[in-house]
Amino acid sequence: MNLLDKVRVLIERSKNKQPGDPYFYDVNPKEITWSPQELEVIYSKYAWLPKEYIEFLKEFDGISIAFCRFYGSKKGIAIILDEQVNLHKSLLKDDYFPFASDADGSIFLFDKQGRVCWWDIEDYDFEHKPKILAETFEEFVSECLLGGRYIEFDSINIENNTFYKFLKDHGWT
């Protein structure tokens, strides 16, 4: 199952949650509010961004999945992608592209090779290179957020984590 299908399943299950459903679906979809050409302008400035990421944004504007809150459109209610790019540009230059953050404000980035990296917000001066989390966007979403590597990022009391149980019960881990 590809990353888009996994997210669709998760959203559908969360929308149709029934009383007694044993799972917590750790997803918060937002309304899609991309204006015409908004994504095309971003992609034209950063042509090295993974195409899978752009396709993901078209369908899941500003979504939150597990520990990751993706930046979204200018008209959306999520954190605005364009603002985050501009905010961090002086530190990141054109070497990295911020696309999401975690609960403490640390940032998920793409490097020019399309790898997903994590920049610890405590590294205010960007003194250390960001940690590489996944070689591709597909790996990040499919494995780190919705797969076997989820446990690396949320291992506290994992045996009682019903979101992780959902991932396991669906064969995603």
N, C-alpha and C. Protein backbone atom coordinates (compact mmCIF):
# COMPACT_ATOMS: atom_id res chain seq x y z
N MET A 1 0.86 -1.17 0.00
CA MET A 1 0.00 0.00 0.00
C MET A 1 0.91 1.24 0.00
N ASN A 2 0.64 2.18 -0.90
CA ASN A 2 1.50 3.37 -0.96
C ASN A 2 1.11 4.38 0.12
N LEU A 3 1.92 5.41 0.24
CA LEU A 3 1.72 6.38 1.33
C LEU A 3 0.38 7.10 1.23
N LEU A 4 -0.06 7.45 0.04
CA LEU A 4 -1.34 8.14 -0.10
C LEU A 4 -2.49 7.24 0.34
N ASP A 5 -2.42 5.97 -0.05
CA ASP A 5 -3.47 5.02 0.35
C ASP A 5 -3.52 4.83 1.86
N LYS A 6 -2.36 4.74 2.49
CA LYS A 6 -2.33 4.60 3.95
C LYS A 6 -3.00 5.79 4.63
N VAL A 7 -2.70 6.99 4.17
CA VAL A 7 -3.28 8.19 4.78
C VAL A 7 -4.79 8.22 4.53
N ARG A 8 -5.21 7.83 3.33
CA ARG A 8 -6.65 7.79 3.03
C ARG A 8 -7.37 6.82 3.96
N VAL A 9 -6.79 5.64 4.18
CA VAL A 9 -7.39 4.65 5.09
C VAL A 9 -7.50 5.24 6.49
N LEU A 10 -6.44 5.85 6.94
CA LEU A 10 -6.42 6.44 8.29
C LEU A 10 -7.50 7.51 8.44
N ILE A 11 -7.62 8.39 7.47
CA ILE A 11 -8.63 9.45 7.51
C ILE A 11 -10.03 8.85 7.49
N GLU A 12 -10.26 7.90 6.61
CA GLU A 12 -11.58 7.27 6.50
C GLU A 12 -11.97 6.59 7.81
N ARG A 13 -11.03 5.86 8.40
CA ARG A 13 -11.32 5.20 9.66
C ARG A 13 -11.62 6.21 10.77
N SER A 14 -10.88 7.32 10.80
CA SER A 14 -11.11 8.32 11.86
C SER A 14 -12.47 9.01 11.67
N LYS A 15 -12.88 9.24 10.43
CA LYS A 15 -14.18 9.87 10.16
C LYS A 15 -15.34 8.96 10.52
N ASN A 16 -15.14 7.66 10.36
CA ASN A 16 -16.21 6.69 10.58
C ASN A 16 -16.05 5.91 11.88
N LYS A 17 -15.36 6.50 12.83
CA LYS A 17 -15.13 5.83 14.11
C LYS A 17 -16.46 5.55 14.80
N GLN A 18 -16.61 4.32 15.23
CA GLN A 18 -17.83 3.88 15.89
C GLN A 18 -17.58 3.74 17.39
N PRO A 19 -18.61 3.85 18.21
CA PRO A 19 -18.44 3.59 19.64
C PRO A 19 -17.85 2.19 19.85
N GLY A 20 -16.90 2.11 20.72
CA GLY A 20 -16.26 0.84 21.00
C GLY A 20 -15.07 0.54 20.09
N ASP A 21 -14.84 1.38 19.11
CA ASP A 21 -13.67 1.21 18.24
C ASP A 21 -12.43 1.25 19.12
N PRO A 22 -11.56 0.23 19.05
CA PRO A 22 -10.44 0.15 19.99
C PRO A 22 -9.25 1.06 19.66
N TYR A 23 -9.31 1.76 18.55
CA TYR A 23 -8.14 2.52 18.11
C TYR A 23 -8.30 4.03 18.30
N PHE A 24 -7.16 4.68 18.52
CA PHE A 24 -7.07 6.14 18.42
C PHE A 24 -6.39 6.40 17.08
N TYR A 25 -7.06 7.11 16.19
CA TYR A 25 -6.52 7.41 14.88
C TYR A 25 -5.83 8.76 14.96
N ASP A 26 -4.52 8.74 15.01
CA ASP A 26 -3.74 9.95 15.25
C ASP A 26 -3.56 10.73 13.95
N VAL A 27 -4.68 11.29 13.48
CA VAL A 27 -4.67 12.07 12.23
C VAL A 27 -5.64 13.23 12.40
N ASN A 28 -5.28 14.35 11.83
CA ASN A 28 -6.13 15.53 11.87
C ASN A 28 -6.10 16.19 10.49
N PRO A 29 -6.99 15.75 9.60
CA PRO A 29 -7.00 16.34 8.26
C PRO A 29 -7.58 17.74 8.27
N LYS A 30 -7.14 18.53 7.35
CA LYS A 30 -7.63 19.90 7.20
C LYS A 30 -8.31 20.03 5.84
N GLU A 31 -9.06 21.10 5.68
CA GLU A 31 -9.68 21.38 4.40
C GLU A 31 -8.61 21.76 3.39
N ILE A 32 -8.77 21.34 2.16
CA ILE A 32 -7.81 21.67 1.10
C ILE A 32 -8.14 23.06 0.58
N THR A 33 -7.18 23.98 0.75
CA THR A 33 -7.43 25.38 0.37
C THR A 33 -6.30 25.96 -0.48
N TRP A 34 -5.58 25.11 -1.20
CA TRP A 34 -4.51 25.64 -2.07
C TRP A 34 -5.13 26.55 -3.12
N SER A 35 -4.55 27.72 -3.30
CA SER A 35 -5.02 28.62 -4.35
C SER A 35 -4.39 28.19 -5.67
N PRO A 36 -5.00 28.63 -6.78
CA PRO A 36 -4.44 28.25 -8.08
C PRO A 36 -2.97 28.65 -8.16
N GLN A 37 -2.17 27.74 -8.59
CA GLN A 37 -0.74 27.93 -8.82
C GLN A 37 0.12 28.00 -7.56
N GLU A 38 -0.46 27.94 -6.37
CA GLU A 38 0.34 28.06 -5.15
C GLU A 38 1.41 26.96 -5.07
N LEU A 39 1.03 25.73 -5.33
CA LEU A 39 2.00 24.63 -5.30
C LEU A 39 2.98 24.71 -6.46
N GLU A 40 2.49 25.17 -7.60
CA GLU A 40 3.36 25.28 -8.77
C GLU A 40 4.47 26.31 -8.54
N VAL A 41 4.16 27.39 -7.84
CA VAL A 41 5.17 28.40 -7.53
C VAL A 41 6.24 27.81 -6.60
N ILE A 42 5.81 27.07 -5.61
CA ILE A 42 6.76 26.43 -4.70
C ILE A 42 7.65 25.46 -5.46
N TYR A 43 7.03 24.63 -6.30
CA TYR A 43 7.80 23.63 -7.03
C TYR A 43 8.74 24.28 -8.04
N SER A 44 8.35 25.40 -8.61
CA SER A 44 9.24 26.07 -9.56
C SER A 44 10.47 26.66 -8.86
N LYS A 45 10.31 27.09 -7.61
CA LYS A 45 11.44 27.61 -6.83
C LYS A 45 12.33 26.49 -6.30
N TYR A 46 11.73 25.35 -6.02
CA TYR A 46 12.43 24.22 -5.42
C TYR A 46 12.15 22.97 -6.25
N ALA A 47 12.66 22.97 -7.47
CA ALA A 47 12.39 21.86 -8.40
C ALA A 47 12.93 20.53 -7.91
N TRP A 48 13.81 20.55 -6.93
CA TRP A 48 14.38 19.32 -6.40
C TRP A 48 13.50 18.65 -5.35
N LEU A 49 12.38 19.27 -5.01
CA LEU A 49 11.46 18.64 -4.05
C LEU A 49 10.89 17.35 -4.64
N PRO A 50 10.72 16.32 -3.82
CA PRO A 50 10.15 15.07 -4.33
C PRO A 50 8.74 15.26 -4.87
N LYS A 51 8.49 14.69 -6.02
CA LYS A 51 7.16 14.78 -6.63
C LYS A 51 6.09 14.15 -5.73
N GLU A 52 6.47 13.10 -4.99
CA GLU A 52 5.52 12.45 -4.07
C GLU A 52 5.05 13.43 -3.00
N TYR A 53 5.94 14.31 -2.59
CA TYR A 53 5.58 15.32 -1.59
C TYR A 53 4.55 16.29 -2.16
N ILE A 54 4.76 16.75 -3.38
CA ILE A 54 3.82 17.68 -4.01
C ILE A 54 2.46 17.01 -4.18
N GLU A 55 2.44 15.75 -4.61
CA GLU A 55 1.18 15.02 -4.74
C GLU A 55 0.50 14.87 -3.38
N PHE A 56 1.27 14.61 -2.35
CA PHE A 56 0.76 14.50 -0.99
C PHE A 56 0.09 15.82 -0.58
N LEU A 57 0.77 16.94 -0.83
CA LEU A 57 0.23 18.25 -0.45
C LEU A 57 -1.09 18.55 -1.15
N LYS A 58 -1.19 18.18 -2.41
CA LYS A 58 -2.42 18.44 -3.17
C LYS A 58 -3.63 17.82 -2.48
N GLU A 59 -3.43 16.66 -1.89
CA GLU A 59 -4.54 15.94 -1.28
C GLU A 59 -4.67 16.16 0.22
N PHE A 60 -3.57 16.45 0.89
CA PHE A 60 -3.58 16.53 2.35
C PHE A 60 -2.97 17.85 2.82
N ASP A 61 -3.65 18.91 2.60
CA ASP A 61 -3.22 20.27 2.93
C ASP A 61 -3.19 20.47 4.45
N GLY A 62 -2.00 20.64 5.02
CA GLY A 62 -1.88 20.96 6.44
C GLY A 62 -2.25 19.85 7.40
N ILE A 63 -2.21 18.62 6.96
CA ILE A 63 -2.61 17.48 7.79
C ILE A 63 -1.60 17.24 8.93
N SER A 64 -2.09 16.72 10.02
CA SER A 64 -1.24 16.23 11.10
C SER A 64 -1.40 14.72 11.17
N ILE A 65 -0.26 14.02 11.21
CA ILE A 65 -0.25 12.56 11.33
C ILE A 65 0.75 12.22 12.43
N ALA A 66 0.26 11.53 13.43
CA ALA A 66 1.11 11.10 14.55
C ALA A 66 1.84 12.32 15.12
N PHE A 67 3.15 12.29 15.12
CA PHE A 67 3.97 13.35 15.71
C PHE A 67 4.35 14.44 14.72
N CYS A 68 3.78 14.43 13.53
CA CYS A 68 4.20 15.33 12.46
C CYS A 68 3.04 16.21 11.98
N ARG A 69 3.26 17.51 12.00
CA ARG A 69 2.26 18.45 11.48
C ARG A 69 2.81 19.08 10.22
N PHE A 70 2.21 18.72 9.10
CA PHE A 70 2.65 19.23 7.80
C PHE A 70 2.19 20.67 7.60
N TYR A 71 3.04 21.46 7.00
CA TYR A 71 2.68 22.84 6.69
C TYR A 71 1.73 22.84 5.51
N GLY A 72 0.88 23.87 5.45
CA GLY A 72 -0.16 23.90 4.42
C GLY A 72 -0.26 25.20 3.66
N SER A 73 -1.40 25.38 3.05
CA SER A 73 -1.66 26.50 2.14
C SER A 73 -1.84 27.82 2.89
N LYS A 74 -1.74 28.89 2.14
CA LYS A 74 -1.87 30.25 2.70
C LYS A 74 -3.26 30.50 3.27
N LYS A 75 -4.27 29.90 2.69
CA LYS A 75 -5.65 30.12 3.15
C LYS A 75 -6.09 29.11 4.20
N GLY A 76 -5.25 28.15 4.50
CA GLY A 76 -5.61 27.09 5.43
C GLY A 76 -5.49 27.51 6.88
N ILE A 77 -5.92 26.63 7.76
CA ILE A 77 -5.84 26.91 9.19
C ILE A 77 -4.63 26.26 9.83
N ALA A 78 -3.83 25.60 9.03
CA ALA A 78 -2.61 24.95 9.53
C ALA A 78 -1.46 25.96 9.50
N ILE A 79 -0.29 25.50 9.87
CA ILE A 79 0.92 26.33 9.76
C ILE A 79 1.19 26.52 8.27
N ILE A 80 1.42 27.75 7.87
CA ILE A 80 1.53 28.08 6.45
C ILE A 80 2.93 27.75 5.92
N LEU A 81 2.96 26.92 4.91
CA LEU A 81 4.21 26.46 4.31
C LEU A 81 5.09 27.62 3.86
N ASP A 82 4.55 28.52 3.09
CA ASP A 82 5.32 29.64 2.54
C ASP A 82 5.95 30.49 3.65
N GLU A 83 5.22 30.71 4.73
CA GLU A 83 5.75 31.48 5.85
C GLU A 83 6.93 30.77 6.52
N GLN A 84 6.83 29.46 6.66
CA GLN A 84 7.90 28.69 7.29
C GLN A 84 9.16 28.67 6.42
N VAL A 85 8.97 28.56 5.12
CA VAL A 85 10.11 28.60 4.19
C VAL A 85 10.82 29.93 4.34
N ASN A 86 10.07 31.02 4.33
CA ASN A 86 10.66 32.35 4.45
C ASN A 86 11.29 32.59 5.82
N LEU A 87 10.66 32.10 6.87
CA LEU A 87 11.16 32.27 8.22
C LEU A 87 12.54 31.64 8.41
N HIS A 88 12.74 30.48 7.83
CA HIS A 88 13.98 29.73 8.04
C HIS A 88 15.00 29.88 6.91
N LYS A 89 14.67 30.66 5.91
CA LYS A 89 15.53 30.77 4.73
C LYS A 89 16.94 31.24 5.07
N SER A 90 17.09 32.17 5.99
CA SER A 90 18.43 32.69 6.30
C SER A 90 19.35 31.61 6.86
N LEU A 91 18.80 30.67 7.63
CA LEU A 91 19.61 29.57 8.17
C LEU A 91 19.74 28.41 7.18
N LEU A 92 18.66 28.09 6.52
CA LEU A 92 18.64 26.91 5.66
C LEU A 92 19.18 27.18 4.27
N LYS A 93 19.20 28.45 3.89
CA LYS A 93 19.59 28.86 2.53
C LYS A 93 18.70 28.10 1.55
N ASP A 94 19.27 27.63 0.48
CA ASP A 94 18.51 26.79 -0.45
C ASP A 94 18.93 25.33 -0.34
N ASP A 95 19.60 24.99 0.76
CA ASP A 95 20.09 23.63 0.95
C ASP A 95 19.04 22.70 1.54
N TYR A 96 18.08 23.28 2.24
CA TYR A 96 17.03 22.49 2.89
C TYR A 96 15.68 23.18 2.68
N PHE A 97 14.63 22.38 2.76
CA PHE A 97 13.27 22.89 2.61
C PHE A 97 12.43 22.39 3.77
N PRO A 98 11.94 23.29 4.64
CA PRO A 98 11.11 22.87 5.78
C PRO A 98 9.70 22.51 5.31
N PHE A 99 9.18 21.36 5.76
CA PHE A 99 7.85 20.97 5.31
C PHE A 99 6.90 20.59 6.44
N ALA A 100 7.43 20.43 7.66
CA ALA A 100 6.57 20.03 8.78
C ALA A 100 7.32 20.27 10.07
N SER A 101 6.60 20.14 11.19
CA SER A 101 7.23 20.25 12.51
C SER A 101 6.63 19.22 13.44
N ASP A 102 7.35 18.99 14.54
CA ASP A 102 6.82 18.09 15.56
C ASP A 102 6.28 18.93 16.71
N ALA A 103 5.85 18.29 17.77
CA ALA A 103 5.17 18.98 18.87
C ALA A 103 6.03 20.03 19.55
N ASP A 104 7.34 19.83 19.62
CA ASP A 104 8.19 20.81 20.29
C ASP A 104 8.70 21.90 19.37
N GLY A 105 8.31 21.87 18.10
CA GLY A 105 8.73 22.90 17.15
C GLY A 105 9.96 22.54 16.35
N SER A 106 10.53 21.35 16.58
CA SER A 106 11.62 20.91 15.73
C SER A 106 11.07 20.69 14.32
N ILE A 107 11.93 20.79 13.33
CA ILE A 107 11.47 20.89 11.95
C ILE A 107 11.91 19.69 11.11
N PHE A 108 10.99 19.22 10.29
CA PHE A 108 11.30 18.21 9.29
C PHE A 108 11.63 18.94 7.99
N LEU A 109 12.70 18.48 7.34
CA LEU A 109 13.23 19.16 6.16
C LEU A 109 13.51 18.16 5.05
N PHE A 110 13.54 18.65 3.83
CA PHE A 110 14.12 17.90 2.72
C PHE A 110 15.49 18.48 2.46
N ASP A 111 16.47 17.60 2.17
CA ASP A 111 17.73 18.11 1.64
C ASP A 111 17.65 18.00 0.11
N LYS A 112 18.65 18.46 -0.56
CA LYS A 112 18.60 18.49 -2.03
C LYS A 112 18.60 17.10 -2.66
N GLN A 113 18.94 16.08 -1.89
CA GLN A 113 18.87 14.71 -2.40
C GLN A 113 17.49 14.09 -2.19
N GLY A 114 16.58 14.86 -1.60
CA GLY A 114 15.23 14.37 -1.36
C GLY A 114 15.08 13.58 -0.08
N ARG A 115 16.13 13.54 0.72
CA ARG A 115 16.06 12.83 1.99
C ARG A 115 15.29 13.67 3.02
N VAL A 116 14.62 13.00 3.93
CA VAL A 116 13.91 13.68 5.00
C VAL A 116 14.85 13.76 6.20
N CYS A 117 15.01 14.99 6.69
CA CYS A 117 15.90 15.26 7.81
C CYS A 117 15.10 15.90 8.94
N TRP A 118 15.71 15.92 10.11
CA TRP A 118 15.08 16.52 11.28
C TRP A 118 16.06 17.50 11.89
N TRP A 119 15.60 18.73 12.07
CA TRP A 119 16.41 19.79 12.67
C TRP A 119 15.86 20.07 14.06
N ASP A 120 16.65 19.75 15.07
CA ASP A 120 16.27 19.96 16.45
C ASP A 120 16.17 21.46 16.72
N ILE A 121 15.06 21.93 17.17
CA ILE A 121 14.81 23.35 17.41
C ILE A 121 15.80 23.92 18.43
N GLU A 122 16.38 23.07 19.26
CA GLU A 122 17.36 23.53 20.25
C GLU A 122 18.68 23.95 19.59
N ASP A 123 18.89 23.54 18.35
CA ASP A 123 20.09 23.92 17.61
C ASP A 123 19.81 25.26 16.91
N TYR A 124 19.64 26.29 17.72
CA TYR A 124 19.19 27.60 17.23
C TYR A 124 20.07 28.17 16.11
N ASP A 125 21.35 27.91 16.18
CA ASP A 125 22.26 28.49 15.20
C ASP A 125 22.54 27.55 14.04
N PHE A 126 21.86 26.44 14.00
CA PHE A 126 22.03 25.47 12.91
C PHE A 126 23.50 25.05 12.83
N GLU A 127 24.07 24.82 14.02
CA GLU A 127 25.49 24.45 14.10
C GLU A 127 25.73 23.01 13.66
N HIS A 128 24.76 22.15 13.80
CA HIS A 128 24.90 20.75 13.43
C HIS A 128 24.06 20.46 12.20
N LYS A 129 24.52 19.56 11.39
CA LYS A 129 23.70 19.15 10.24
C LYS A 129 22.46 18.44 10.76
N PRO A 130 21.34 18.64 10.09
CA PRO A 130 20.13 17.92 10.49
C PRO A 130 20.33 16.41 10.39
N LYS A 131 19.65 15.70 11.26
CA LYS A 131 19.71 14.24 11.28
C LYS A 131 18.87 13.68 10.14
N ILE A 132 19.43 12.78 9.36
CA ILE A 132 18.68 12.14 8.28
C ILE A 132 17.79 11.06 8.88
N LEU A 133 16.48 11.15 8.59
CA LEU A 133 15.51 10.18 9.11
C LEU A 133 15.12 9.13 8.07
N ALA A 134 15.03 9.55 6.81
CA ALA A 134 14.57 8.65 5.75
C ALA A 134 15.19 9.08 4.43
N GLU A 135 15.42 8.12 3.58
CA GLU A 135 16.02 8.41 2.27
C GLU A 135 15.03 9.04 1.30
N THR A 136 13.73 8.80 1.53
CA THR A 136 12.70 9.33 0.64
C THR A 136 11.49 9.79 1.47
N PHE A 137 10.65 10.60 0.84
CA PHE A 137 9.41 11.03 1.48
C PHE A 137 8.49 9.83 1.70
N GLU A 138 8.44 8.94 0.72
CA GLU A 138 7.62 7.74 0.84
C GLU A 138 8.03 6.93 2.07
N GLU A 139 9.32 6.75 2.27
CA GLU A 139 9.81 6.02 3.43
C GLU A 139 9.42 6.74 4.73
N PHE A 140 9.53 8.05 4.75
CA PHE A 140 9.20 8.82 5.95
C PHE A 140 7.75 8.60 6.35
N VAL A 141 6.83 8.79 5.40
CA VAL A 141 5.41 8.65 5.73
C VAL A 141 5.04 7.19 5.98
N SER A 142 5.44 6.31 5.05
CA SER A 142 5.05 4.91 5.14
C SER A 142 5.68 4.16 6.30
N GLU A 143 6.91 4.52 6.65
CA GLU A 143 7.61 3.79 7.70
C GLU A 143 7.70 4.54 9.04
N CYS A 144 8.07 5.81 8.99
CA CYS A 144 8.28 6.56 10.24
C CYS A 144 6.95 7.00 10.87
N LEU A 145 6.02 7.44 10.06
CA LEU A 145 4.73 7.89 10.60
C LEU A 145 3.71 6.76 10.69
N LEU A 146 3.69 5.90 9.68
CA LEU A 146 2.62 4.90 9.57
C LEU A 146 3.14 3.48 9.37
N GLY A 147 4.30 3.19 9.95
CA GLY A 147 4.86 1.86 9.74
C GLY A 147 5.75 1.42 10.89
N GLY A 148 6.62 0.49 10.56
CA GLY A 148 7.46 -0.17 11.55
C GLY A 148 8.41 0.74 12.31
N ARG A 149 8.79 1.86 11.73
CA ARG A 149 9.72 2.76 12.42
C ARG A 149 9.01 3.74 13.36
N TYR A 150 7.70 3.73 13.40
CA TYR A 150 6.94 4.62 14.29
C TYR A 150 7.43 4.49 15.73
N ILE A 151 7.75 3.29 16.14
CA ILE A 151 8.19 3.01 17.51
C ILE A 151 9.48 3.78 17.85
N GLU A 152 10.30 4.11 16.85
CA GLU A 152 11.52 4.87 17.09
C GLU A 152 11.22 6.29 17.59
N PHE A 153 10.05 6.79 17.22
CA PHE A 153 9.71 8.18 17.50
C PHE A 153 8.72 8.34 18.64
N ASP A 154 8.00 7.29 18.98
CA ASP A 154 7.01 7.36 20.05
C ASP A 154 7.03 6.05 20.83
N SER A 155 8.11 5.82 21.55
CA SER A 155 8.27 4.53 22.22
C SER A 155 7.79 4.54 23.68
N ILE A 156 7.39 5.69 24.19
CA ILE A 156 6.92 5.77 25.56
C ILE A 156 5.57 5.05 25.68
N ASN A 157 5.52 4.05 26.53
CA ASN A 157 4.29 3.30 26.79
C ASN A 157 3.68 2.76 25.50
N ILE A 158 4.51 2.26 24.60
CA ILE A 158 4.05 1.81 23.28
C ILE A 158 3.06 0.66 23.37
N GLU A 159 3.16 -0.16 24.41
CA GLU A 159 2.24 -1.30 24.51
C GLU A 159 0.79 -0.85 24.74
N ASN A 160 0.58 0.37 25.24
CA ASN A 160 -0.77 0.90 25.42
C ASN A 160 -1.17 1.92 24.36
N ASN A 161 -0.35 2.08 23.34
CA ASN A 161 -0.59 3.05 22.29
C ASN A 161 -1.52 2.43 21.24
N THR A 162 -2.78 2.86 21.21
CA THR A 162 -3.74 2.25 20.29
C THR A 162 -3.50 2.64 18.84
N PHE A 163 -2.83 3.78 18.60
CA PHE A 163 -2.48 4.12 17.23
C PHE A 163 -1.46 3.11 16.70
N TYR A 164 -0.46 2.80 17.52
CA TYR A 164 0.53 1.80 17.12
C TYR A 164 -0.14 0.44 16.95
N LYS A 165 -1.09 0.12 17.80
CA LYS A 165 -1.83 -1.14 17.66
C LYS A 165 -2.57 -1.17 16.33
N PHE A 166 -3.16 -0.04 15.92
CA PHE A 166 -3.82 0.05 14.62
C PHE A 166 -2.82 -0.25 13.50
N LEU A 167 -1.64 0.36 13.57
CA LEU A 167 -0.61 0.12 12.55
C LEU A 167 -0.24 -1.36 12.50
N LYS A 168 -0.05 -1.97 13.67
CA LYS A 168 0.30 -3.39 13.72
C LYS A 168 -0.83 -4.27 13.18
N ASP A 169 -2.05 -3.99 13.63
CA ASP A 169 -3.20 -4.82 13.22
C ASP A 169 -3.47 -4.75 11.72
N HIS A 170 -3.03 -3.68 11.08
CA HIS A 170 -3.20 -3.53 9.64
C HIS A 170 -1.98 -3.98 8.84
N GLY A 171 -1.00 -4.55 9.54
CA GLY A 171 0.18 -5.07 8.88
C GLY A 171 1.11 -4.01 8.35
N TRP A 172 1.04 -2.82 8.91
CA TRP A 172 1.88 -1.72 8.43
C TRP A 172 3.21 -1.68 9.19
N THR A 173 3.31 -2.42 10.28
CA THR A 173 4.56 -2.46 11.04
C THR A 173 5.25 -3.79 10.85
